[in-house]
Amino acid sequence: MRLVITSKNINAIQSRLPEAEREKVKPDDYLTKILKYIPAEVVALYVTLYNIAYAARADIPFTLIVWIIFGIGIIGTVLYLLRVAKVNDWSQITVSTIAFVVWVFALGGPFSHCAWYQPAYGALILPIYTFFMPIMISR
């Protein structure tokens, strides 16, 4: 199950399970929340598409293409969580979508084509966001 289980939503989750399974469901711990919040599948898609575009950069409008790939990743995060992972909690979808943006920012991606971008920004924000998101978001 990809949905982050918190003390807020545990009753709703337990009510959908057979009686024998209800006691087994506990709120997720810190590390489990991190794993569920980071959309690793979409980050992998992004990295793959980016590298394909990078290999063809001399023959394509590379900057435009990487911004399009970034947009596809944002939309893909939402659709993947809703339709494949069956996450119906919009706060988790929002946190995961922001996590995707933070990962791309840390990798450089289309942001590296902006005059203001410095790799150190991404190197700083990625661990900060990853560390604090399970603490701040779900109780």
N, C-alpha and C. Protein backbone atom coordinates (compact mmCIF):
# COMPACT_ATOMS: atom_id res chain seq x y z
N MET A 1 0.84 -1.17 0.00
CA MET A 1 0.00 0.00 0.00
C MET A 1 0.89 1.24 0.00
N ARG A 2 0.61 2.17 -0.90
CA ARG A 2 1.43 3.38 -1.05
C ARG A 2 0.90 4.53 -0.18
N LEU A 3 -0.36 4.45 0.24
CA LEU A 3 -0.92 5.50 1.07
C LEU A 3 -0.20 5.56 2.40
N VAL A 4 0.22 6.76 2.80
CA VAL A 4 0.86 6.93 4.10
C VAL A 4 -0.20 6.74 5.18
N ILE A 5 0.08 5.84 6.09
CA ILE A 5 -0.86 5.55 7.17
C ILE A 5 -0.48 6.40 8.38
N THR A 6 -1.41 7.27 8.77
CA THR A 6 -1.18 8.17 9.90
C THR A 6 -2.22 7.89 10.97
N SER A 7 -2.04 8.50 12.12
CA SER A 7 -3.04 8.36 13.18
C SER A 7 -4.36 8.99 12.75
N LYS A 8 -4.33 9.94 11.81
CA LYS A 8 -5.55 10.57 11.31
C LYS A 8 -6.38 9.64 10.43
N ASN A 9 -5.71 8.86 9.60
CA ASN A 9 -6.47 8.06 8.63
C ASN A 9 -6.52 6.56 8.94
N ILE A 10 -5.97 6.15 10.06
CA ILE A 10 -5.90 4.72 10.36
C ILE A 10 -7.28 4.10 10.52
N ASN A 11 -8.22 4.81 11.14
CA ASN A 11 -9.56 4.24 11.31
C ASN A 11 -10.24 4.00 9.98
N ALA A 12 -10.09 4.94 9.06
CA ALA A 12 -10.69 4.77 7.73
C ALA A 12 -10.07 3.59 6.99
N ILE A 13 -8.77 3.42 7.13
CA ILE A 13 -8.09 2.30 6.47
C ILE A 13 -8.52 0.98 7.11
N GLN A 14 -8.54 0.93 8.43
CA GLN A 14 -8.93 -0.30 9.12
C GLN A 14 -10.36 -0.70 8.80
N SER A 15 -11.24 0.28 8.62
CA SER A 15 -12.65 -0.04 8.38
C SER A 15 -12.85 -0.74 7.03
N ARG A 16 -11.91 -0.62 6.13
CA ARG A 16 -12.00 -1.27 4.82
C ARG A 16 -11.41 -2.67 4.81
N LEU A 17 -10.83 -3.09 5.92
CA LEU A 17 -10.17 -4.40 5.99
C LEU A 17 -11.04 -5.42 6.71
N PRO A 18 -10.80 -6.70 6.44
CA PRO A 18 -11.48 -7.74 7.23
C PRO A 18 -11.08 -7.60 8.70
N GLU A 19 -11.96 -8.00 9.56
CA GLU A 19 -11.75 -7.86 11.02
C GLU A 19 -10.39 -8.40 11.47
N ALA A 20 -9.99 -9.55 10.95
CA ALA A 20 -8.74 -10.19 11.36
C ALA A 20 -7.50 -9.37 10.96
N GLU A 21 -7.63 -8.54 9.94
CA GLU A 21 -6.50 -7.76 9.45
C GLU A 21 -6.37 -6.40 10.11
N ARG A 22 -7.42 -5.91 10.76
CA ARG A 22 -7.45 -4.54 11.27
C ARG A 22 -6.37 -4.25 12.30
N GLU A 23 -6.11 -5.19 13.19
CA GLU A 23 -5.12 -4.96 14.25
C GLU A 23 -3.69 -4.90 13.71
N LYS A 24 -3.47 -5.47 12.54
CA LYS A 24 -2.13 -5.49 11.96
C LYS A 24 -1.72 -4.12 11.39
N VAL A 25 -2.69 -3.28 11.10
CA VAL A 25 -2.41 -1.98 10.50
C VAL A 25 -2.03 -0.98 11.58
N LYS A 26 -0.84 -0.44 11.45
CA LYS A 26 -0.30 0.54 12.39
C LYS A 26 0.13 1.78 11.60
N PRO A 27 0.19 2.93 12.24
CA PRO A 27 0.72 4.12 11.53
C PRO A 27 2.14 3.87 11.04
N ASP A 28 2.46 4.41 9.88
CA ASP A 28 3.79 4.24 9.31
C ASP A 28 4.84 4.94 10.15
N ASP A 29 6.02 4.33 10.19
CA ASP A 29 7.14 4.97 10.88
C ASP A 29 7.82 5.97 9.94
N TYR A 30 8.77 6.68 10.46
CA TYR A 30 9.45 7.76 9.74
C TYR A 30 10.02 7.28 8.40
N LEU A 31 10.79 6.19 8.40
CA LEU A 31 11.43 5.72 7.17
C LEU A 31 10.41 5.25 6.14
N THR A 32 9.35 4.62 6.59
CA THR A 32 8.30 4.18 5.67
C THR A 32 7.63 5.38 5.02
N LYS A 33 7.41 6.43 5.80
CA LYS A 33 6.81 7.65 5.24
C LYS A 33 7.71 8.23 4.16
N ILE A 34 9.01 8.28 4.41
CA ILE A 34 9.94 8.80 3.40
C ILE A 34 9.80 8.00 2.11
N LEU A 35 9.80 6.69 2.22
CA LEU A 35 9.70 5.83 1.03
C LEU A 35 8.39 6.04 0.28
N LYS A 36 7.31 6.23 1.02
CA LYS A 36 6.01 6.41 0.37
C LYS A 36 5.84 7.81 -0.22
N TYR A 37 6.48 8.80 0.34
CA TYR A 37 6.34 10.17 -0.16
C TYR A 37 7.16 10.42 -1.42
N ILE A 38 8.32 9.79 -1.55
CA ILE A 38 9.18 10.05 -2.70
C ILE A 38 8.69 9.21 -3.89
N PRO A 39 8.33 9.88 -4.98
CA PRO A 39 7.81 9.15 -6.15
C PRO A 39 8.96 8.59 -7.00
N ALA A 40 9.60 7.55 -6.48
CA ALA A 40 10.81 7.00 -7.13
C ALA A 40 10.55 6.56 -8.56
N GLU A 41 9.35 6.04 -8.83
CA GLU A 41 9.03 5.58 -10.18
C GLU A 41 9.05 6.75 -11.18
N VAL A 42 8.52 7.88 -10.74
CA VAL A 42 8.46 9.06 -11.62
C VAL A 42 9.85 9.69 -11.74
N VAL A 43 10.62 9.69 -10.68
CA VAL A 43 11.99 10.19 -10.76
C VAL A 43 12.79 9.34 -11.76
N ALA A 44 12.59 8.03 -11.70
CA ALA A 44 13.28 7.13 -12.65
C ALA A 44 12.84 7.41 -14.09
N LEU A 45 11.54 7.64 -14.30
CA LEU A 45 11.05 8.00 -15.63
C LEU A 45 11.70 9.30 -16.10
N TYR A 46 11.73 10.29 -15.22
CA TYR A 46 12.32 11.58 -15.56
C TYR A 46 13.80 11.42 -15.95
N VAL A 47 14.56 10.71 -15.14
CA VAL A 47 16.00 10.53 -15.40
C VAL A 47 16.21 9.83 -16.74
N THR A 48 15.38 8.82 -17.03
CA THR A 48 15.50 8.10 -18.29
C THR A 48 15.21 9.02 -19.48
N LEU A 49 14.08 9.75 -19.42
CA LEU A 49 13.73 10.65 -20.51
C LEU A 49 14.76 11.77 -20.67
N TYR A 50 15.23 12.31 -19.56
CA TYR A 50 16.24 13.37 -19.61
C TYR A 50 17.51 12.86 -20.32
N ASN A 51 17.95 11.66 -19.96
CA ASN A 51 19.18 11.13 -20.56
C ASN A 51 19.01 10.83 -22.05
N ILE A 52 17.81 10.41 -22.45
CA ILE A 52 17.55 10.22 -23.89
C ILE A 52 17.64 11.57 -24.60
N ALA A 53 17.00 12.58 -24.02
CA ALA A 53 17.05 13.92 -24.62
C ALA A 53 18.48 14.46 -24.63
N TYR A 54 19.22 14.22 -23.57
CA TYR A 54 20.60 14.70 -23.49
C TYR A 54 21.46 14.08 -24.59
N ALA A 55 21.23 12.81 -24.86
CA ALA A 55 22.00 12.13 -25.92
C ALA A 55 21.71 12.75 -27.29
N ALA A 56 20.53 13.30 -27.47
CA ALA A 56 20.14 13.89 -28.76
C ALA A 56 20.19 15.41 -28.73
N ARG A 57 20.84 16.01 -27.73
CA ARG A 57 20.77 17.45 -27.50
C ARG A 57 21.22 18.30 -28.68
N ALA A 58 22.11 17.78 -29.50
CA ALA A 58 22.59 18.55 -30.65
C ALA A 58 21.53 18.65 -31.75
N ASP A 59 20.58 17.71 -31.74
CA ASP A 59 19.60 17.63 -32.83
C ASP A 59 18.20 18.09 -32.45
N ILE A 60 18.00 18.48 -31.19
CA ILE A 60 16.65 18.84 -30.72
C ILE A 60 16.72 20.16 -29.94
N PRO A 61 15.56 20.81 -29.76
CA PRO A 61 15.54 21.99 -28.88
C PRO A 61 15.59 21.51 -27.42
N PHE A 62 16.80 21.23 -26.97
CA PHE A 62 17.02 20.53 -25.70
C PHE A 62 16.36 21.21 -24.51
N THR A 63 16.54 22.51 -24.35
CA THR A 63 15.98 23.20 -23.19
C THR A 63 14.46 23.07 -23.16
N LEU A 64 13.82 23.27 -24.28
CA LEU A 64 12.37 23.11 -24.36
C LEU A 64 11.95 21.69 -24.01
N ILE A 65 12.65 20.73 -24.55
CA ILE A 65 12.31 19.32 -24.32
C ILE A 65 12.44 18.97 -22.84
N VAL A 66 13.49 19.43 -22.16
CA VAL A 66 13.64 19.07 -20.74
C VAL A 66 12.57 19.73 -19.87
N TRP A 67 12.10 20.93 -20.27
CA TRP A 67 10.98 21.53 -19.54
C TRP A 67 9.70 20.73 -19.78
N ILE A 68 9.51 20.23 -20.98
CA ILE A 68 8.34 19.38 -21.27
C ILE A 68 8.42 18.09 -20.47
N ILE A 69 9.59 17.48 -20.43
CA ILE A 69 9.77 16.25 -19.65
C ILE A 69 9.48 16.52 -18.18
N PHE A 70 9.90 17.65 -17.68
CA PHE A 70 9.62 18.04 -16.30
C PHE A 70 8.11 18.14 -16.07
N GLY A 71 7.41 18.79 -16.99
CA GLY A 71 5.95 18.89 -16.89
C GLY A 71 5.28 17.53 -16.94
N ILE A 72 5.78 16.65 -17.80
CA ILE A 72 5.25 15.29 -17.87
C ILE A 72 5.45 14.59 -16.52
N GLY A 73 6.58 14.83 -15.88
CA GLY A 73 6.85 14.23 -14.57
C GLY A 73 5.89 14.72 -13.50
N ILE A 74 5.56 15.99 -13.52
CA ILE A 74 4.60 16.53 -12.54
C ILE A 74 3.23 15.90 -12.75
N ILE A 75 2.76 15.90 -13.99
CA ILE A 75 1.47 15.28 -14.30
C ILE A 75 1.52 13.78 -14.01
N GLY A 76 2.63 13.17 -14.38
CA GLY A 76 2.81 11.73 -14.15
C GLY A 76 2.78 11.35 -12.69
N THR A 77 3.32 12.20 -11.84
CA THR A 77 3.30 11.93 -10.40
C THR A 77 1.87 11.86 -9.90
N VAL A 78 1.08 12.84 -10.26
CA VAL A 78 -0.32 12.87 -9.82
C VAL A 78 -1.09 11.67 -10.37
N LEU A 79 -0.98 11.42 -11.66
CA LEU A 79 -1.72 10.30 -12.27
C LEU A 79 -1.26 8.95 -11.72
N TYR A 80 0.05 8.78 -11.56
CA TYR A 80 0.56 7.52 -11.03
C TYR A 80 0.02 7.26 -9.63
N LEU A 81 0.08 8.27 -8.78
CA LEU A 81 -0.38 8.07 -7.41
C LEU A 81 -1.89 7.80 -7.36
N LEU A 82 -2.66 8.54 -8.16
CA LEU A 82 -4.11 8.35 -8.16
C LEU A 82 -4.53 7.01 -8.77
N ARG A 83 -4.00 6.70 -9.94
CA ARG A 83 -4.52 5.56 -10.71
C ARG A 83 -3.77 4.25 -10.49
N VAL A 84 -2.48 4.32 -10.30
CA VAL A 84 -1.71 3.08 -10.13
C VAL A 84 -1.54 2.74 -8.66
N ALA A 85 -1.08 3.71 -7.87
CA ALA A 85 -0.83 3.46 -6.45
C ALA A 85 -2.10 3.58 -5.60
N LYS A 86 -3.18 4.08 -6.20
CA LYS A 86 -4.48 4.19 -5.52
C LYS A 86 -4.42 5.07 -4.26
N VAL A 87 -3.60 6.11 -4.32
CA VAL A 87 -3.53 7.08 -3.22
C VAL A 87 -4.66 8.08 -3.43
N ASN A 88 -5.50 8.26 -2.42
CA ASN A 88 -6.62 9.19 -2.55
C ASN A 88 -6.51 10.37 -1.59
N ASP A 89 -5.37 10.51 -0.97
CA ASP A 89 -5.11 11.60 -0.03
C ASP A 89 -4.37 12.72 -0.77
N TRP A 90 -5.06 13.84 -1.00
CA TRP A 90 -4.47 14.92 -1.78
C TRP A 90 -3.29 15.57 -1.09
N SER A 91 -3.21 15.51 0.22
CA SER A 91 -2.03 16.07 0.88
C SER A 91 -0.80 15.22 0.55
N GLN A 92 -0.96 13.90 0.50
CA GLN A 92 0.15 13.05 0.12
C GLN A 92 0.53 13.25 -1.34
N ILE A 93 -0.46 13.39 -2.20
CA ILE A 93 -0.18 13.62 -3.62
C ILE A 93 0.58 14.94 -3.79
N THR A 94 0.18 15.95 -3.05
CA THR A 94 0.86 17.25 -3.12
C THR A 94 2.30 17.15 -2.62
N VAL A 95 2.48 16.50 -1.48
CA VAL A 95 3.83 16.34 -0.91
C VAL A 95 4.72 15.55 -1.87
N SER A 96 4.19 14.51 -2.46
CA SER A 96 4.96 13.69 -3.41
C SER A 96 5.29 14.46 -4.68
N THR A 97 4.36 15.28 -5.14
CA THR A 97 4.61 16.08 -6.34
C THR A 97 5.71 17.12 -6.05
N ILE A 98 5.65 17.73 -4.89
CA ILE A 98 6.71 18.66 -4.50
C ILE A 98 8.03 17.90 -4.37
N ALA A 99 7.99 16.69 -3.85
CA ALA A 99 9.21 15.88 -3.74
C ALA A 99 9.81 15.63 -5.12
N PHE A 100 8.96 15.36 -6.12
CA PHE A 100 9.46 15.19 -7.48
C PHE A 100 10.15 16.47 -7.96
N VAL A 101 9.52 17.61 -7.74
CA VAL A 101 10.10 18.89 -8.15
C VAL A 101 11.45 19.12 -7.45
N VAL A 102 11.51 18.81 -6.17
CA VAL A 102 12.75 18.97 -5.41
C VAL A 102 13.84 18.07 -5.95
N TRP A 103 13.50 16.83 -6.28
CA TRP A 103 14.49 15.90 -6.85
C TRP A 103 15.02 16.43 -8.18
N VAL A 104 14.12 16.89 -9.04
CA VAL A 104 14.56 17.42 -10.34
C VAL A 104 15.43 18.65 -10.13
N PHE A 105 15.02 19.51 -9.21
CA PHE A 105 15.80 20.71 -8.89
C PHE A 105 17.20 20.31 -8.43
N ALA A 106 17.28 19.28 -7.59
CA ALA A 106 18.59 18.83 -7.10
C ALA A 106 19.44 18.23 -8.22
N LEU A 107 18.80 17.58 -9.18
CA LEU A 107 19.53 17.00 -10.31
C LEU A 107 19.95 18.07 -11.32
N GLY A 108 19.35 19.23 -11.24
CA GLY A 108 19.63 20.31 -12.19
C GLY A 108 18.53 20.43 -13.20
N GLY A 109 18.40 19.40 -14.04
CA GLY A 109 17.32 19.35 -15.01
C GLY A 109 17.13 20.66 -15.74
N PRO A 110 15.87 21.03 -15.99
CA PRO A 110 15.63 22.27 -16.73
C PRO A 110 16.05 23.52 -15.95
N PHE A 111 16.11 23.40 -14.63
CA PHE A 111 16.51 24.55 -13.81
C PHE A 111 17.95 24.97 -14.09
N SER A 112 18.77 24.01 -14.50
CA SER A 112 20.17 24.33 -14.77
C SER A 112 20.33 25.28 -15.95
N HIS A 113 19.26 25.49 -16.71
CA HIS A 113 19.29 26.42 -17.83
C HIS A 113 18.88 27.84 -17.42
N CYS A 114 18.57 28.02 -16.14
CA CYS A 114 18.20 29.33 -15.62
C CYS A 114 19.45 30.02 -15.08
N ALA A 115 19.57 31.31 -15.34
CA ALA A 115 20.76 32.05 -14.94
C ALA A 115 20.98 32.04 -13.43
N TRP A 116 19.93 32.01 -12.64
CA TRP A 116 20.02 32.08 -11.18
C TRP A 116 20.37 30.74 -10.53
N TYR A 117 20.28 29.65 -11.27
CA TYR A 117 20.44 28.32 -10.67
C TYR A 117 21.89 28.03 -10.31
N GLN A 118 22.07 27.50 -9.12
CA GLN A 118 23.37 27.01 -8.66
C GLN A 118 23.15 25.59 -8.12
N PRO A 119 23.97 24.61 -8.50
CA PRO A 119 23.79 23.24 -8.02
C PRO A 119 23.73 23.13 -6.49
N ALA A 120 24.40 24.03 -5.80
CA ALA A 120 24.38 23.98 -4.33
C ALA A 120 22.97 24.15 -3.78
N TYR A 121 22.12 24.89 -4.49
CA TYR A 121 20.74 25.08 -4.01
C TYR A 121 20.02 23.73 -3.92
N GLY A 122 20.12 22.96 -4.97
CA GLY A 122 19.50 21.64 -4.97
C GLY A 122 20.13 20.69 -3.97
N ALA A 123 21.46 20.78 -3.86
CA ALA A 123 22.16 19.93 -2.90
C ALA A 123 21.73 20.24 -1.48
N LEU A 124 21.34 21.48 -1.22
CA LEU A 124 20.88 21.85 0.12
C LEU A 124 19.40 21.51 0.35
N ILE A 125 18.57 21.79 -0.63
CA ILE A 125 17.13 21.63 -0.42
C ILE A 125 16.70 20.17 -0.39
N LEU A 126 17.35 19.31 -1.16
CA LEU A 126 16.93 17.90 -1.22
C LEU A 126 16.99 17.21 0.14
N PRO A 127 18.12 17.22 0.85
CA PRO A 127 18.12 16.55 2.15
C PRO A 127 17.24 17.24 3.18
N ILE A 128 17.12 18.56 3.09
CA ILE A 128 16.26 19.27 4.05
C ILE A 128 14.80 18.84 3.84
N TYR A 129 14.34 18.87 2.60
CA TYR A 129 12.95 18.49 2.32
C TYR A 129 12.70 17.02 2.68
N THR A 130 13.62 16.15 2.28
CA THR A 130 13.46 14.72 2.55
C THR A 130 13.43 14.44 4.05
N PHE A 131 14.26 15.13 4.81
CA PHE A 131 14.31 14.92 6.25
C PHE A 131 13.02 15.39 6.93
N PHE A 132 12.56 16.58 6.55
CA PHE A 132 11.44 17.18 7.27
C PHE A 132 10.06 16.77 6.79
N MET A 133 9.91 16.31 5.55
CA MET A 133 8.56 16.05 5.05
C MET A 133 7.82 15.00 5.87
N PRO A 134 8.41 13.90 6.32
CA PRO A 134 7.62 12.96 7.12
C PRO A 134 7.30 13.48 8.52
N ILE A 135 8.14 14.37 9.01
CA ILE A 135 7.93 14.93 10.35
C ILE A 135 6.82 15.98 10.32
N MET A 136 6.85 16.84 9.33
CA MET A 136 5.94 17.98 9.28
C MET A 136 4.58 17.64 8.69
N ILE A 137 4.52 16.72 7.77
CA ILE A 137 3.31 16.51 6.99
C ILE A 137 2.29 15.63 7.69
N SER A 138 2.69 14.45 8.08
CA SER A 138 1.70 13.51 8.61
C SER A 138 1.88 13.28 10.11
N ARG A 139 0.78 13.33 10.78
CA ARG A 139 0.80 13.11 12.23
C ARG A 139 0.11 11.82 12.55
